[in-house]
Amino acid sequence: MQFEIRERSRSLWSWVLVNETDEPVLESRRSFPSRAQAMAAALAFSQLVARAGRSLGGGPRQVGFL
């Protein structure tokens, strides 16, 4: 899968996650005023998903500040 940055209108951008056959899997719910901001949002989302995948192993979540 990969992210694509798409222009919705002349001044709004969004990201779309597409699969191997270029079908949309997920699209950002909000638009961004620049391509760079849409790219940053896609990167941030991908990092959240990666973190969630690492915690998929099970076991209790750690609670606290440290």
C-alpha atoms as a PDB file:
ATOM      1  CA  MET A   1       0.000   0.000   0.000  1.00  0.00           C
ATOM      2  CA  GLN A   2       1.061   3.568  -0.477  1.00  0.00           C
ATOM      3  CA  PHE A   3      -0.143   7.081   0.168  1.00  0.00           C
ATOM      4  CA  GLU A   4      -1.073   9.452  -2.618  1.00  0.00           C
ATOM      5  CA  ILE A   5      -1.472  13.179  -2.166  1.00  0.00           C
ATOM      6  CA  ARG A   6      -4.356  14.488  -4.230  1.00  0.00           C
ATOM      7  CA  GLU A   7      -5.568  17.950  -5.052  1.00  0.00           C
ATOM      8  CA  ARG A   8      -9.285  18.263  -4.274  1.00  0.00           C
ATOM      9  CA  SER A   9      -9.587  21.769  -5.611  1.00  0.00           C
ATOM     10  CA  ARG A  10      -7.217  24.577  -6.503  1.00  0.00           C
ATOM     11  CA  SER A  11      -6.279  25.195  -2.892  1.00  0.00           C
ATOM     12  CA  LEU A  12      -7.206  22.015  -0.973  1.00  0.00           C
ATOM     13  CA  TRP A  13      -5.250  18.799  -0.700  1.00  0.00           C
ATOM     14  CA  SER A  14      -5.894  15.390   0.891  1.00  0.00           C
ATOM     15  CA  TRP A  15      -4.158  12.052   1.275  1.00  0.00           C
ATOM     16  CA  VAL A  16      -5.450   8.694   0.097  1.00  0.00           C
ATOM     17  CA  LEU A  17      -4.105   5.271   1.043  1.00  0.00           C
ATOM     18  CA  VAL A  18      -4.328   2.973  -1.971  1.00  0.00           C
ATOM     19  CA  ASN A  19      -3.726  -0.757  -2.290  1.00  0.00           C
ATOM     20  CA  GLU A  20      -1.652  -2.633  -4.850  1.00  0.00           C
ATOM     21  CA  THR A  21      -4.373  -2.269  -7.504  1.00  0.00           C
ATOM     22  CA  ASP A  22      -4.691   1.498  -6.915  1.00  0.00           C
ATOM     23  CA  GLU A  23      -8.035   1.159  -5.142  1.00  0.00           C
ATOM     24  CA  PRO A  24      -8.617   3.615  -2.282  1.00  0.00           C
ATOM     25  CA  VAL A  25      -8.488   1.939   1.113  1.00  0.00           C
ATOM     26  CA  LEU A  26      -8.732   5.045   3.274  1.00  0.00           C
ATOM     27  CA  GLU A  27      -8.962   8.778   2.646  1.00  0.00           C
ATOM     28  CA  SER A  28      -8.306  11.682   4.961  1.00  0.00           C
ATOM     29  CA  ARG A  29     -11.472  13.172   6.400  1.00  0.00           C
ATOM     30  CA  ARG A  30     -10.153  16.682   6.197  1.00  0.00           C
ATOM     31  CA  SER A  31      -8.527  18.801   3.551  1.00  0.00           C
ATOM     32  CA  PHE A  32      -5.273  20.697   3.898  1.00  0.00           C
ATOM     33  CA  PRO A  33      -4.314  24.093   2.488  1.00  0.00           C
ATOM     34  CA  SER A  34      -1.054  22.822   0.996  1.00  0.00           C
ATOM     35  CA  ARG A  35       0.458  19.679  -0.473  1.00  0.00           C
ATOM     36  CA  ALA A  36       3.173  19.752   2.205  1.00  0.00           C
ATOM     37  CA  GLN A  37       0.589  19.743   5.003  1.00  0.00           C
ATOM     38  CA  ALA A  38      -1.265  16.820   3.435  1.00  0.00           C
ATOM     39  CA  MET A  39       2.036  14.927   3.164  1.00  0.00           C
ATOM     40  CA  ALA A  40       2.837  15.649   6.814  1.00  0.00           C
ATOM     41  CA  ALA A  41      -0.615  14.436   7.864  1.00  0.00           C
ATOM     42  CA  ALA A  42      -0.186  11.200   5.863  1.00  0.00           C
ATOM     43  CA  LEU A  43       3.189  10.622   7.502  1.00  0.00           C
ATOM     44  CA  ALA A  44       1.765  11.251  10.977  1.00  0.00           C
ATOM     45  CA  PHE A  45      -1.112   8.836  10.290  1.00  0.00           C
ATOM     46  CA  SER A  46       1.267   6.150   9.051  1.00  0.00           C
ATOM     47  CA  GLN A  47       3.322   6.457  12.229  1.00  0.00           C
ATOM     48  CA  LEU A  48       0.192   6.080  14.378  1.00  0.00           C
ATOM     49  CA  VAL A  49      -0.763   2.937  12.468  1.00  0.00           C
ATOM     50  CA  ALA A  50       2.747   1.519  12.836  1.00  0.00           C
ATOM     51  CA  ARG A  51       2.631   2.164  16.577  1.00  0.00           C
ATOM     52  CA  ALA A  52      -0.775   0.483  16.799  1.00  0.00           C
ATOM     53  CA  GLY A  53       0.595  -2.526  14.919  1.00  0.00           C
ATOM     54  CA  ARG A  54       3.431  -2.907  17.393  1.00  0.00           C
ATOM     55  CA  SER A  55       0.957  -2.966  20.279  1.00  0.00           C
ATOM     56  CA  LEU A  56      -1.161  -5.639  18.586  1.00  0.00           C
ATOM     57  CA  GLY A  57       0.885  -8.346  20.270  1.00  0.00           C
ATOM     58  CA  GLY A  58      -1.513  -8.335  23.204  1.00  0.00           C
ATOM     59  CA  GLY A  59      -0.920  -8.009  26.878  1.00  0.00           C
ATOM     60  CA  PRO A  60      -2.002  -5.166  29.089  1.00  0.00           C
ATOM     61  CA  ARG A  61      -1.230  -1.608  28.096  1.00  0.00           C
ATOM     62  CA  GLN A  62       1.090   0.322  30.315  1.00  0.00           C
ATOM     63  CA  VAL A  63      -0.600   3.133  32.159  1.00  0.00           C
ATOM     64  CA  GLY A  64       1.222   6.080  33.630  1.00  0.00           C
ATOM     65  CA  PHE A  65       3.511   8.917  32.753  1.00  0.00           C
ATOM     66  CA  LEU A  66       6.722   7.003  32.144  1.00  0.00           C
END
